[in-house]
């Protein structure tokens, strides 16, 4: 499949969603947010209680995109070299000479499932930082590029904290989206029981290549965004900071710290990705609102006042979206731009 237009990108996203539906039942929002992350070329952190098919979703996605795939099961004894690879002494049996040879680790694949990423100590978690940000690994004094496209899709369990190591904020910020995986609906759960207790196990077939995904990512980057929409994304981010730094008094008092510049970049990029996989050539305010929670929930830390009220990050983001508005002139301009580019 050659993808050069947004209509083709939307068709590819719909076909990929249909292929995933052969294995993954329900979870439509989770699937869409995962596809947004792929289209944007970003990494995603999936959080949910055990048994909600987080791991299955990621492995099925790799199968449906014909990308190389490795699963890394994070454990307390996992070492950085277990992820990135290591150098070993190799002997030529003919000449008896020896040299160092690099044995690539599982990070050298296009789709990396970092399963239960909070189960391993910070030293090993940090081994992913360079790979996630720079798409390369530095070992033995050499920089080794990772394949393109490259995605880290990590999972973690929010309820079992014994023996876990919460991800540092600097690493959380590398994830474009934090996707919350909730319980399925009653009918979906019944269908899950039916499908998974028989002899037939449905499988996804590869329908997209790495080149297709790279083409979609290029379309995402080329998607225009009106100044007013970009300003709205910026206003959301700045409202979370201290009042002295431009924050909104009703929001910043609920937080220990606000979102950094990467949050604004992520809002715009995820908004562009959402517009592209829906076949639109412009970013709307609704795109920014739709991606606000997965973009911001891991970049905000509720403060004492929010904790006293029982407010989690999602509740604060709801308040943020209800509080931050744009001048009417900006909104009128955005509608004009949207009509002209539709």
C-alpha atoms as a PDB file:
ATOM      1  CA  UNK A   1       0.000   0.000   0.000  1.00  0.00           C
ATOM      2  CA  UNK A   2       1.404   3.387  -1.059  1.00  0.00           C
ATOM      3  CA  UNK A   3       0.209   6.192   1.209  1.00  0.00           C
ATOM      4  CA  UNK A   4       0.550   9.736  -0.084  1.00  0.00           C
ATOM      5  CA  UNK A   5      -2.745  11.428   0.846  1.00  0.00           C
ATOM      6  CA  UNK A   6      -4.716  11.896   4.034  1.00  0.00           C
ATOM      7  CA  UNK A   7      -7.639   9.919   2.590  1.00  0.00           C
ATOM      8  CA  UNK A   8      -5.271   6.980   2.137  1.00  0.00           C
ATOM      9  CA  UNK A   9      -3.960   7.487   5.674  1.00  0.00           C
ATOM     10  CA  UNK A  10      -7.508   7.391   7.026  1.00  0.00           C
ATOM     11  CA  UNK A  11      -8.239   4.236   5.022  1.00  0.00           C
ATOM     12  CA  UNK A  12      -5.057   2.631   6.359  1.00  0.00           C
ATOM     13  CA  UNK A  13      -6.002   3.542   9.946  1.00  0.00           C
ATOM     14  CA  UNK A  14      -9.503   2.111   9.444  1.00  0.00           C
ATOM     15  CA  UNK A  15      -8.078  -1.098   7.971  1.00  0.00           C
ATOM     16  CA  UNK A  16      -5.613  -1.416  10.851  1.00  0.00           C
ATOM     17  CA  UNK A  17      -8.399  -0.843  13.387  1.00  0.00           C
ATOM     18  CA  UNK A  18     -10.507  -3.536  11.721  1.00  0.00           C
ATOM     19  CA  UNK A  19      -7.571  -5.952  11.771  1.00  0.00           C
ATOM     20  CA  UNK A  20      -6.976  -5.292  15.478  1.00  0.00           C
ATOM     21  CA  UNK A  21     -10.685  -5.878  16.138  1.00  0.00           C
ATOM     22  CA  UNK A  22     -10.211  -9.507  15.075  1.00  0.00           C
ATOM     23  CA  UNK A  23      -8.256 -10.009  18.279  1.00  0.00           C
ATOM     24  CA  UNK A  24      -8.993  -7.019  20.529  1.00  0.00           C
ATOM     25  CA  UNK A  25     -12.634  -6.687  21.529  1.00  0.00           C
ATOM     26  CA  UNK A  26     -13.907  -3.202  22.329  1.00  0.00           C
ATOM     27  CA  UNK A  27     -11.423  -0.663  23.751  1.00  0.00           C
ATOM     28  CA  UNK A  28     -12.071   1.649  20.796  1.00  0.00           C
ATOM     29  CA  UNK A  29     -10.593   4.721  22.468  1.00  0.00           C
ATOM     30  CA  UNK A  30      -7.486   2.819  23.559  1.00  0.00           C
ATOM     31  CA  UNK A  31      -6.958   1.555  20.001  1.00  0.00           C
ATOM     32  CA  UNK A  32      -7.406   5.024  18.505  1.00  0.00           C
ATOM     33  CA  UNK A  33      -4.994   6.622  20.990  1.00  0.00           C
ATOM     34  CA  UNK A  34      -2.436   3.907  20.251  1.00  0.00           C
ATOM     35  CA  UNK A  35      -2.780   4.592  16.517  1.00  0.00           C
ATOM     36  CA  UNK A  36      -2.377   8.319  17.192  1.00  0.00           C
ATOM     37  CA  UNK A  37       0.898   7.550  18.933  1.00  0.00           C
ATOM     38  CA  UNK A  38       2.095   5.448  15.979  1.00  0.00           C
ATOM     39  CA  UNK A  39       1.034   8.052  13.420  1.00  0.00           C
ATOM     40  CA  UNK A  40       2.830  10.765  15.376  1.00  0.00           C
ATOM     41  CA  UNK A  41       5.960   8.625  15.721  1.00  0.00           C
ATOM     42  CA  UNK A  42       5.788   8.783  19.511  1.00  0.00           C
ATOM     43  CA  UNK A  43       5.941   6.309  22.368  1.00  0.00           C
ATOM     44  CA  UNK A  44       2.996   5.313  24.550  1.00  0.00           C
ATOM     45  CA  UNK A  45       2.567   4.114  28.117  1.00  0.00           C
ATOM     46  CA  UNK A  46      -0.468   1.885  28.664  1.00  0.00           C
ATOM     47  CA  UNK A  47      -1.714   1.658  32.235  1.00  0.00           C
ATOM     48  CA  UNK A  48      -4.403  -0.684  33.485  1.00  0.00           C
ATOM     49  CA  UNK A  49      -5.077  -3.528  35.876  1.00  0.00           C
ATOM     50  CA  UNK A  50      -4.020  -7.062  34.859  1.00  0.00           C
ATOM     51  CA  UNK A  51      -6.028  -8.947  32.268  1.00  0.00           C
ATOM     52  CA  UNK A  52      -7.141  -6.024  30.102  1.00  0.00           C
ATOM     53  CA  UNK A  53      -5.179  -7.166  27.006  1.00  0.00           C
ATOM     54  CA  UNK A  54      -2.540  -4.420  27.116  1.00  0.00           C
ATOM     55  CA  UNK A  55       0.206  -6.828  26.100  1.00  0.00           C
ATOM     56  CA  UNK A  56      -2.036  -8.534  23.543  1.00  0.00           C
ATOM     57  CA  UNK A  57      -2.907  -5.192  21.943  1.00  0.00           C
ATOM     58  CA  UNK A  58       0.738  -4.285  21.421  1.00  0.00           C
ATOM     59  CA  UNK A  59       1.783  -7.684  20.078  1.00  0.00           C
ATOM     60  CA  UNK A  60      -1.253  -7.743  17.758  1.00  0.00           C
ATOM     61  CA  UNK A  61      -0.390  -4.268  16.516  1.00  0.00           C
ATOM     62  CA  UNK A  62       3.103  -5.466  15.629  1.00  0.00           C
ATOM     63  CA  UNK A  63       1.606  -8.434  13.742  1.00  0.00           C
ATOM     64  CA  UNK A  64      -0.762  -6.159  11.810  1.00  0.00           C
ATOM     65  CA  UNK A  65       2.031  -3.810  10.734  1.00  0.00           C
ATOM     66  CA  UNK A  66       4.651  -6.402   9.697  1.00  0.00           C
ATOM     67  CA  UNK A  67       7.249  -4.659  11.855  1.00  0.00           C
ATOM     68  CA  UNK A  68       9.985  -6.405  13.783  1.00  0.00           C
ATOM     69  CA  UNK A  69       8.829  -6.937  17.351  1.00  0.00           C
ATOM     70  CA  UNK A  70      10.514  -7.741  20.649  1.00  0.00           C
ATOM     71  CA  UNK A  71       9.021  -8.107  24.078  1.00  0.00           C
ATOM     72  CA  UNK A  72      11.120  -7.165  27.102  1.00  0.00           C
ATOM     73  CA  UNK A  73       9.758  -8.450  30.384  1.00  0.00           C
ATOM     74  CA  UNK A  74      11.004  -6.010  33.000  1.00  0.00           C
ATOM     75  CA  UNK A  75      12.085  -7.638  36.263  1.00  0.00           C
ATOM     76  CA  UNK A  76      14.073  -6.427  39.302  1.00  0.00           C
ATOM     77  CA  UNK A  77      17.238  -8.248  38.137  1.00  0.00           C
ATOM     78  CA  UNK A  78      17.180  -6.942  34.537  1.00  0.00           C
ATOM     79  CA  UNK A  79      20.420  -5.143  33.601  1.00  0.00           C
ATOM     80  CA  UNK A  80      20.853  -2.296  31.066  1.00  0.00           C
ATOM     81  CA  UNK A  81      22.933  -4.536  28.805  1.00  0.00           C
ATOM     82  CA  UNK A  82      20.051  -7.016  28.734  1.00  0.00           C
ATOM     83  CA  UNK A  83      18.160  -4.331  26.812  1.00  0.00           C
ATOM     84  CA  UNK A  84      20.767  -2.554  24.715  1.00  0.00           C
ATOM     85  CA  UNK A  85      23.141  -5.426  24.008  1.00  0.00           C
ATOM     86  CA  UNK A  86      26.722  -6.166  24.958  1.00  0.00           C
ATOM     87  CA  UNK A  87      30.183  -6.687  23.517  1.00  0.00           C
ATOM     88  CA  UNK A  88      31.751 -10.122  23.691  1.00  0.00           C
ATOM     89  CA  UNK A  89      35.178 -11.460  22.790  1.00  0.00           C
ATOM     90  CA  UNK A  90      35.030 -13.382  19.528  1.00  0.00           C
ATOM     91  CA  UNK A  91      37.815 -15.750  18.489  1.00  0.00           C
ATOM     92  CA  UNK A  92      38.648 -16.672  14.921  1.00  0.00           C
ATOM     93  CA  UNK A  93      39.337 -20.410  15.149  1.00  0.00           C
ATOM     94  CA  UNK A  94      41.370 -20.333  11.937  1.00  0.00           C
ATOM     95  CA  UNK A  95      43.868 -17.641  12.925  1.00  0.00           C
ATOM     96  CA  UNK A  96      43.406 -17.634  16.672  1.00  0.00           C
ATOM     97  CA  UNK A  97      42.918 -13.850  16.653  1.00  0.00           C
ATOM     98  CA  UNK A  98      40.378 -12.254  18.938  1.00  0.00           C
ATOM     99  CA  UNK A  99      38.239  -9.159  18.624  1.00  0.00           C
ATOM    100  CA  UNK A 100      35.207  -7.562  20.200  1.00  0.00           C
ATOM    101  CA  UNK A 101      31.813  -8.223  18.635  1.00  0.00           C
ATOM    102  CA  UNK A 102      28.602  -6.429  19.518  1.00  0.00           C
ATOM    103  CA  UNK A 103      25.581  -8.631  20.228  1.00  0.00           C
ATOM    104  CA  UNK A 104      22.455  -6.479  19.751  1.00  0.00           C
ATOM    105  CA  UNK A 105      19.892  -6.524  22.552  1.00  0.00           C
ATOM    106  CA  UNK A 106      16.115  -6.731  22.124  1.00  0.00           C
ATOM    107  CA  UNK A 107      15.886  -2.933  21.787  1.00  0.00           C
ATOM    108  CA  UNK A 108      16.921  -3.379  18.144  1.00  0.00           C
ATOM    109  CA  UNK A 109      13.417  -3.834  16.738  1.00  0.00           C
ATOM    110  CA  UNK A 110      10.765  -1.491  15.383  1.00  0.00           C
ATOM    111  CA  UNK A 111       8.144  -2.247  18.037  1.00  0.00           C
ATOM    112  CA  UNK A 112       9.316  -2.738  21.603  1.00  0.00           C
ATOM    113  CA  UNK A 113       6.900  -3.998  24.231  1.00  0.00           C
ATOM    114  CA  UNK A 114       8.317  -2.874  27.568  1.00  0.00           C
ATOM    115  CA  UNK A 115       6.130  -5.073  29.735  1.00  0.00           C
ATOM    116  CA  UNK A 116       5.641  -3.932  33.346  1.00  0.00           C
ATOM    117  CA  UNK A 117       8.240  -1.227  32.912  1.00  0.00           C
ATOM    118  CA  UNK A 118       7.939  -0.158  36.551  1.00  0.00           C
ATOM    119  CA  UNK A 119       9.166  -3.574  37.726  1.00  0.00           C
ATOM    120  CA  UNK A 120      12.831  -2.795  37.091  1.00  0.00           C
ATOM    121  CA  UNK A 121      15.220  -0.412  38.920  1.00  0.00           C
ATOM    122  CA  UNK A 122      15.905   3.133  37.641  1.00  0.00           C
ATOM    123  CA  UNK A 123      19.329   2.211  36.231  1.00  0.00           C
ATOM    124  CA  UNK A 124      17.725  -0.222  33.807  1.00  0.00           C
ATOM    125  CA  UNK A 125      14.769   2.062  33.094  1.00  0.00           C
ATOM    126  CA  UNK A 126      17.273   4.758  32.136  1.00  0.00           C
ATOM    127  CA  UNK A 127      18.708   2.464  29.457  1.00  0.00           C
ATOM    128  CA  UNK A 128      15.592   3.271  27.443  1.00  0.00           C
ATOM    129  CA  UNK A 129      15.997   7.047  27.640  1.00  0.00           C
ATOM    130  CA  UNK A 130      18.508   7.478  24.826  1.00  0.00           C
ATOM    131  CA  UNK A 131      16.690   4.942  22.662  1.00  0.00           C
ATOM    132  CA  UNK A 132      13.336   6.696  23.130  1.00  0.00           C
ATOM    133  CA  UNK A 133      14.643  10.209  22.549  1.00  0.00           C
ATOM    134  CA  UNK A 134      17.482   9.789  20.073  1.00  0.00           C
ATOM    135  CA  UNK A 135      16.501   6.529  18.352  1.00  0.00           C
ATOM    136  CA  UNK A 136      19.988   5.197  18.970  1.00  0.00           C
ATOM    137  CA  UNK A 137      22.018   3.237  21.510  1.00  0.00           C
ATOM    138  CA  UNK A 138      25.535   4.150  22.647  1.00  0.00           C
ATOM    139  CA  UNK A 139      27.651   1.122  23.529  1.00  0.00           C
ATOM    140  CA  UNK A 140      31.361   0.473  23.374  1.00  0.00           C
ATOM    141  CA  UNK A 141      32.034   4.069  22.370  1.00  0.00           C
ATOM    142  CA  UNK A 142      29.837   3.776  19.291  1.00  0.00           C
ATOM    143  CA  UNK A 143      26.404   5.089  18.423  1.00  0.00           C
ATOM    144  CA  UNK A 144      24.218   2.423  16.921  1.00  0.00           C
ATOM    145  CA  UNK A 145      21.027   3.615  15.174  1.00  0.00           C
ATOM    146  CA  UNK A 146      17.770   1.815  15.835  1.00  0.00           C
ATOM    147  CA  UNK A 147      15.454   0.738  13.012  1.00  0.00           C
ATOM    148  CA  UNK A 148      12.912   3.164  11.612  1.00  0.00           C
ATOM    149  CA  UNK A 149      10.112   3.371  12.486  1.00  0.00           C
ATOM    150  CA  UNK A 150      10.779   2.798  16.186  1.00  0.00           C
ATOM    151  CA  UNK A 151       8.175   2.685  18.952  1.00  0.00           C
ATOM    152  CA  UNK A 152       8.345   1.870  22.635  1.00  0.00           C
ATOM    153  CA  UNK A 153       4.953   0.751  23.918  1.00  0.00           C
ATOM    154  CA  UNK A 154       5.190   0.184  27.657  1.00  0.00           C
ATOM    155  CA  UNK A 155       2.730  -1.248  30.156  1.00  0.00           C
ATOM    156  CA  UNK A 156       2.369  -0.854  33.881  1.00  0.00           C
ATOM    157  CA  UNK A 157      -0.039  -1.942  36.599  1.00  0.00           C
ATOM    158  CA  UNK A 158      -1.440   0.988  38.628  1.00  0.00           C
ATOM    159  CA  UNK A 159      -2.654  -0.957  41.654  1.00  0.00           C
ATOM    160  CA  UNK A 160       0.199  -3.219  42.702  1.00  0.00           C
ATOM    161  CA  UNK A 161       3.007  -1.033  44.028  1.00  0.00           C
ATOM    162  CA  UNK A 162       5.041  -3.525  46.092  1.00  0.00           C
ATOM    163  CA  UNK A 163       8.360  -4.219  44.399  1.00  0.00           C
ATOM    164  CA  UNK A 164       7.892  -1.510  41.787  1.00  0.00           C
ATOM    165  CA  UNK A 165       9.985   1.516  40.821  1.00  0.00           C
ATOM    166  CA  UNK A 166       7.877   4.458  39.613  1.00  0.00           C
ATOM    167  CA  UNK A 167       9.205   5.978  36.410  1.00  0.00           C
ATOM    168  CA  UNK A 168      11.059   9.276  36.944  1.00  0.00           C
ATOM    169  CA  UNK A 169       9.383  12.368  35.538  1.00  0.00           C
ATOM    170  CA  UNK A 170      12.133  12.853  32.939  1.00  0.00           C
ATOM    171  CA  UNK A 171      11.358   9.436  31.480  1.00  0.00           C
ATOM    172  CA  UNK A 172       7.582   9.815  31.701  1.00  0.00           C
ATOM    173  CA  UNK A 173       7.941  12.990  29.650  1.00  0.00           C
ATOM    174  CA  UNK A 174       9.445  10.925  26.807  1.00  0.00           C
ATOM    175  CA  UNK A 175       6.118   9.155  26.315  1.00  0.00           C
ATOM    176  CA  UNK A 176       3.921  11.061  23.896  1.00  0.00           C
ATOM    177  CA  UNK A 177       0.778   9.582  25.445  1.00  0.00           C
ATOM    178  CA  UNK A 178      -0.229   7.834  28.633  1.00  0.00           C
ATOM    179  CA  UNK A 179      -3.203   5.667  27.732  1.00  0.00           C
ATOM    180  CA  UNK A 180      -5.563   4.467  30.442  1.00  0.00           C
ATOM    181  CA  UNK A 181      -6.979   1.006  29.741  1.00  0.00           C
ATOM    182  CA  UNK A 182     -10.294   0.503  31.536  1.00  0.00           C
ATOM    183  CA  UNK A 183     -12.622  -2.426  32.048  1.00  0.00           C
ATOM    184  CA  UNK A 184     -14.600  -3.561  28.986  1.00  0.00           C
ATOM    185  CA  UNK A 185     -18.341  -3.161  28.729  1.00  0.00           C
ATOM    186  CA  UNK A 186     -20.620  -6.069  29.637  1.00  0.00           C
ATOM    187  CA  UNK A 187     -21.279  -7.230  26.070  1.00  0.00           C
ATOM    188  CA  UNK A 188     -17.624  -6.848  25.115  1.00  0.00           C
ATOM    189  CA  UNK A 189     -16.564  -8.872  28.141  1.00  0.00           C
ATOM    190  CA  UNK A 190     -19.036 -11.612  27.245  1.00  0.00           C
ATOM    191  CA  UNK A 191     -17.579 -11.737  23.734  1.00  0.00           C
ATOM    192  CA  UNK A 192     -14.070 -11.920  25.201  1.00  0.00           C
ATOM    193  CA  UNK A 193     -15.093 -14.964  27.218  1.00  0.00           C
ATOM    194  CA  UNK A 194     -16.612 -16.618  24.154  1.00  0.00           C
ATOM    195  CA  UNK A 195     -13.614 -16.020  21.902  1.00  0.00           C
ATOM    196  CA  UNK A 196     -10.909 -16.970  24.353  1.00  0.00           C
ATOM    197  CA  UNK A 197     -12.338 -20.204  25.714  1.00  0.00           C
ATOM    198  CA  UNK A 198     -12.608 -22.096  22.433  1.00  0.00           C
ATOM    199  CA  UNK A 199     -10.154 -23.867  20.147  1.00  0.00           C
ATOM    200  CA  UNK A 200      -9.795 -21.094  17.580  1.00  0.00           C
ATOM    201  CA  UNK A 201      -7.466 -18.182  18.354  1.00  0.00           C
ATOM    202  CA  UNK A 202      -7.978 -15.324  15.876  1.00  0.00           C
ATOM    203  CA  UNK A 203      -4.840 -13.671  14.542  1.00  0.00           C
ATOM    204  CA  UNK A 204      -4.144 -10.395  12.794  1.00  0.00           C
ATOM    205  CA  UNK A 205      -2.565 -10.362   9.347  1.00  0.00           C
ATOM    206  CA  UNK A 206       0.048  -7.789   8.300  1.00  0.00           C
ATOM    207  CA  UNK A 207      -1.553  -5.002   6.270  1.00  0.00           C
ATOM    208  CA  UNK A 208       0.849  -2.072   6.740  1.00  0.00           C
ATOM    209  CA  UNK A 209       4.597  -1.890   6.259  1.00  0.00           C
ATOM    210  CA  UNK A 210       7.189   0.239   7.970  1.00  0.00           C
ATOM    211  CA  UNK A 211       7.353   2.410   4.851  1.00  0.00           C
ATOM    212  CA  UNK A 212       3.591   2.978   5.092  1.00  0.00           C
ATOM    213  CA  UNK A 213       3.929   4.157   8.681  1.00  0.00           C
ATOM    214  CA  UNK A 214       6.812   6.464   7.783  1.00  0.00           C
ATOM    215  CA  UNK A 215       4.645   7.961   5.020  1.00  0.00           C
ATOM    216  CA  UNK A 216       1.806   8.532   7.488  1.00  0.00           C
ATOM    217  CA  UNK A 217       4.209  10.172   9.918  1.00  0.00           C
ATOM    218  CA  UNK A 218       5.364  12.533   7.162  1.00  0.00           C
ATOM    219  CA  UNK A 219       1.737  13.464   6.416  1.00  0.00           C
ATOM    220  CA  UNK A 220       1.162  14.135  10.111  1.00  0.00           C
ATOM    221  CA  UNK A 221       4.106  16.533  10.244  1.00  0.00           C
ATOM    222  CA  UNK A 222       2.811  18.339   7.131  1.00  0.00           C
ATOM    223  CA  UNK A 223      -0.688  18.853   8.564  1.00  0.00           C
ATOM    224  CA  UNK A 224      -1.290  22.608   9.011  1.00  0.00           C
ATOM    225  CA  UNK A 225      -2.491  24.059  12.293  1.00  0.00           C
ATOM    226  CA  UNK A 226      -4.080  27.480  12.671  1.00  0.00           C
ATOM    227  CA  UNK A 227      -2.396  29.936  15.029  1.00  0.00           C
ATOM    228  CA  UNK A 228      -5.494  30.034  17.205  1.00  0.00           C
ATOM    229  CA  UNK A 229      -5.508  26.258  17.649  1.00  0.00           C
ATOM    230  CA  UNK A 230      -1.792  26.232  18.459  1.00  0.00           C
ATOM    231  CA  UNK A 231      -2.389  29.089  20.900  1.00  0.00           C
ATOM    232  CA  UNK A 232      -5.140  27.058  22.571  1.00  0.00           C
ATOM    233  CA  UNK A 233      -2.715  24.148  23.074  1.00  0.00           C
ATOM    234  CA  UNK A 234      -0.172  26.575  24.520  1.00  0.00           C
ATOM    235  CA  UNK A 235      -2.789  28.117  26.813  1.00  0.00           C
ATOM    236  CA  UNK A 236      -3.659  24.686  28.213  1.00  0.00           C
ATOM    237  CA  UNK A 237      -0.022  24.008  29.025  1.00  0.00           C
ATOM    238  CA  UNK A 238       0.749  27.427  30.503  1.00  0.00           C
ATOM    239  CA  UNK A 239      -2.372  27.357  32.684  1.00  0.00           C
ATOM    240  CA  UNK A 240      -0.861  24.459  34.659  1.00  0.00           C
ATOM    241  CA  UNK A 241       2.184  26.458  35.775  1.00  0.00           C
ATOM    242  CA  UNK A 242       2.557  28.731  38.815  1.00  0.00           C
ATOM    243  CA  UNK A 243       0.546  31.951  38.614  1.00  0.00           C
ATOM    244  CA  UNK A 244       3.767  34.000  38.576  1.00  0.00           C
ATOM    245  CA  UNK A 245       4.762  32.152  35.373  1.00  0.00           C
ATOM    246  CA  UNK A 246       1.448  32.620  33.587  1.00  0.00           C
ATOM    247  CA  UNK A 247      -0.573  29.867  35.260  1.00  0.00           C
ATOM    248  CA  UNK A 248      -4.299  30.021  35.964  1.00  0.00           C
ATOM    249  CA  UNK A 249      -5.048  30.508  39.662  1.00  0.00           C
ATOM    250  CA  UNK A 250      -7.853  27.916  39.667  1.00  0.00           C
ATOM    251  CA  UNK A 251      -5.592  25.262  38.081  1.00  0.00           C
ATOM    252  CA  UNK A 252      -2.048  25.856  39.287  1.00  0.00           C
ATOM    253  CA  UNK A 253      -3.069  25.685  42.950  1.00  0.00           C
ATOM    254  CA  UNK A 254      -4.168  22.081  42.344  1.00  0.00           C
ATOM    255  CA  UNK A 255      -0.728  21.003  41.102  1.00  0.00           C
ATOM    256  CA  UNK A 256       2.722  20.452  42.546  1.00  0.00           C
ATOM    257  CA  UNK A 257       4.216  21.335  39.172  1.00  0.00           C
ATOM    258  CA  UNK A 258       2.956  22.107  35.701  1.00  0.00           C
ATOM    259  CA  UNK A 259       3.659  20.777  32.238  1.00  0.00           C
ATOM    260  CA  UNK A 260       6.829  21.707  30.345  1.00  0.00           C
ATOM    261  CA  UNK A 261       7.296  22.777  26.712  1.00  0.00           C
ATOM    262  CA  UNK A 262       7.292  19.170  25.489  1.00  0.00           C
ATOM    263  CA  UNK A 263       3.629  18.983  26.543  1.00  0.00           C
ATOM    264  CA  UNK A 264       2.700  21.720  24.073  1.00  0.00           C
ATOM    265  CA  UNK A 265       4.658  20.017  21.326  1.00  0.00           C
ATOM    266  CA  UNK A 266       2.925  16.737  22.133  1.00  0.00           C
ATOM    267  CA  UNK A 267      -0.552  18.306  22.131  1.00  0.00           C
ATOM    268  CA  UNK A 268      -0.004  19.722  18.654  1.00  0.00           C
ATOM    269  CA  UNK A 269       1.656  16.598  17.257  1.00  0.00           C
ATOM    270  CA  UNK A 270      -1.018  14.267  18.674  1.00  0.00           C
ATOM    271  CA  UNK A 271      -3.713  16.641  17.397  1.00  0.00           C
ATOM    272  CA  UNK A 272      -2.157  16.514  13.929  1.00  0.00           C
ATOM    273  CA  UNK A 273      -2.033  12.710  14.099  1.00  0.00           C
ATOM    274  CA  UNK A 274      -5.702  12.490  15.127  1.00  0.00           C
ATOM    275  CA  UNK A 275      -6.718  14.765  12.253  1.00  0.00           C
ATOM    276  CA  UNK A 276      -4.620  12.781   9.758  1.00  0.00           C
ATOM    277  CA  UNK A 277      -5.935   9.316  10.630  1.00  0.00           C
ATOM    278  CA  UNK A 278      -9.441  10.767  10.365  1.00  0.00           C
ATOM    279  CA  UNK A 279      -8.698  12.055   6.869  1.00  0.00           C
ATOM    280  CA  UNK A 280      -8.679  15.781   7.667  1.00  0.00           C
ATOM    281  CA  UNK A 281      -6.117  18.276   6.434  1.00  0.00           C
ATOM    282  CA  UNK A 282      -6.276  20.608   9.421  1.00  0.00           C
ATOM    283  CA  UNK A 283      -6.215  20.435  13.220  1.00  0.00           C
ATOM    284  CA  UNK A 284      -9.364  21.482  15.059  1.00  0.00           C
ATOM    285  CA  UNK A 285      -9.853  22.577  18.643  1.00  0.00           C
ATOM    286  CA  UNK A 286     -11.689  19.280  19.188  1.00  0.00           C
ATOM    287  CA  UNK A 287      -8.509  17.399  18.205  1.00  0.00           C
ATOM    288  CA  UNK A 288      -6.564  19.224  20.921  1.00  0.00           C
ATOM    289  CA  UNK A 289      -9.315  18.616  23.485  1.00  0.00           C
ATOM    290  CA  UNK A 290      -9.499  14.920  22.563  1.00  0.00           C
ATOM    291  CA  UNK A 291      -5.787  14.307  23.128  1.00  0.00           C
ATOM    292  CA  UNK A 292      -5.445  16.528  26.207  1.00  0.00           C
ATOM    293  CA  UNK A 293      -5.858  13.734  28.746  1.00  0.00           C
ATOM    294  CA  UNK A 294      -3.444  11.168  27.273  1.00  0.00           C
ATOM    295  CA  UNK A 295      -0.896  13.928  26.620  1.00  0.00           C
ATOM    296  CA  UNK A 296      -1.108  15.675  29.984  1.00  0.00           C
ATOM    297  CA  UNK A 297      -2.085  13.070  32.588  1.00  0.00           C
ATOM    298  CA  UNK A 298       1.496  11.844  33.111  1.00  0.00           C
ATOM    299  CA  UNK A 299       2.956  15.355  32.988  1.00  0.00           C
ATOM    300  CA  UNK A 300       0.925  16.771  35.870  1.00  0.00           C
ATOM    301  CA  UNK A 301       1.366  15.999  39.555  1.00  0.00           C
ATOM    302  CA  UNK A 302      -1.705  16.729  41.710  1.00  0.00           C
ATOM    303  CA  UNK A 303      -0.935  18.854  44.770  1.00  0.00           C
ATOM    304  CA  UNK A 304      -2.174  18.665  48.334  1.00  0.00           C
ATOM    305  CA  UNK A 305      -5.377  20.582  47.602  1.00  0.00           C
ATOM    306  CA  UNK A 306      -6.303  18.250  44.744  1.00  0.00           C
ATOM    307  CA  UNK A 307      -5.513  15.181  46.846  1.00  0.00           C
ATOM    308  CA  UNK A 308      -7.697  16.526  49.656  1.00  0.00           C
ATOM    309  CA  UNK A 309     -10.557  16.833  47.165  1.00  0.00           C
ATOM    310  CA  UNK A 310      -9.863  13.374  45.746  1.00  0.00           C
ATOM    311  CA  UNK A 311      -8.993  14.845  42.333  1.00  0.00           C
ATOM    312  CA  UNK A 312      -6.726  12.823  40.063  1.00  0.00           C
ATOM    313  CA  UNK A 313      -4.950  14.150  36.984  1.00  0.00           C
ATOM    314  CA  UNK A 314      -7.907  13.439  34.688  1.00  0.00           C
ATOM    315  CA  UNK A 315     -10.258  15.471  36.879  1.00  0.00           C
ATOM    316  CA  UNK A 316      -7.811  18.372  36.866  1.00  0.00           C
ATOM    317  CA  UNK A 317      -7.575  18.187  33.064  1.00  0.00           C
ATOM    318  CA  UNK A 318     -11.394  18.263  32.848  1.00  0.00           C
ATOM    319  CA  UNK A 319     -11.323  21.450  34.921  1.00  0.00           C
ATOM    320  CA  UNK A 320      -8.514  22.784  32.753  1.00  0.00           C
ATOM    321  CA  UNK A 321     -10.526  22.218  29.553  1.00  0.00           C
ATOM    322  CA  UNK A 322     -13.560  23.887  31.120  1.00  0.00           C
ATOM    323  CA  UNK A 323     -11.515  26.875  32.298  1.00  0.00           C
ATOM    324  CA  UNK A 324      -9.205  27.729  29.396  1.00  0.00           C
ATOM    325  CA  UNK A 325     -10.898  29.507  26.491  1.00  0.00           C
ATOM    326  CA  UNK A 326      -9.758  31.556  23.509  1.00  0.00           C
ATOM    327  CA  UNK A 327     -10.927  35.005  22.418  1.00  0.00           C
ATOM    328  CA  UNK A 328     -13.831  35.007  19.974  1.00  0.00           C
ATOM    329  CA  UNK A 329     -11.620  36.501  17.252  1.00  0.00           C
ATOM    330  CA  UNK A 330      -9.320  33.468  17.392  1.00  0.00           C
ATOM    331  CA  UNK A 331     -12.248  31.073  17.193  1.00  0.00           C
ATOM    332  CA  UNK A 332     -13.720  32.863  14.181  1.00  0.00           C
ATOM    333  CA  UNK A 333     -10.342  32.741  12.455  1.00  0.00           C
ATOM    334  CA  UNK A 334     -10.017  29.020  13.167  1.00  0.00           C
ATOM    335  CA  UNK A 335     -13.444  28.295  11.650  1.00  0.00           C
ATOM    336  CA  UNK A 336     -12.447  30.214   8.529  1.00  0.00           C
ATOM    337  CA  UNK A 337      -9.208  28.282   8.213  1.00  0.00           C
ATOM    338  CA  UNK A 338     -11.005  24.987   8.753  1.00  0.00           C
ATOM    339  CA  UNK A 339     -13.578  25.802   6.053  1.00  0.00           C
ATOM    340  CA  UNK A 340     -10.876  26.814   3.597  1.00  0.00           C
ATOM    341  CA  UNK A 341      -8.856  23.634   4.076  1.00  0.00           C
ATOM    342  CA  UNK A 342     -11.692  21.117   4.328  1.00  0.00           C
END
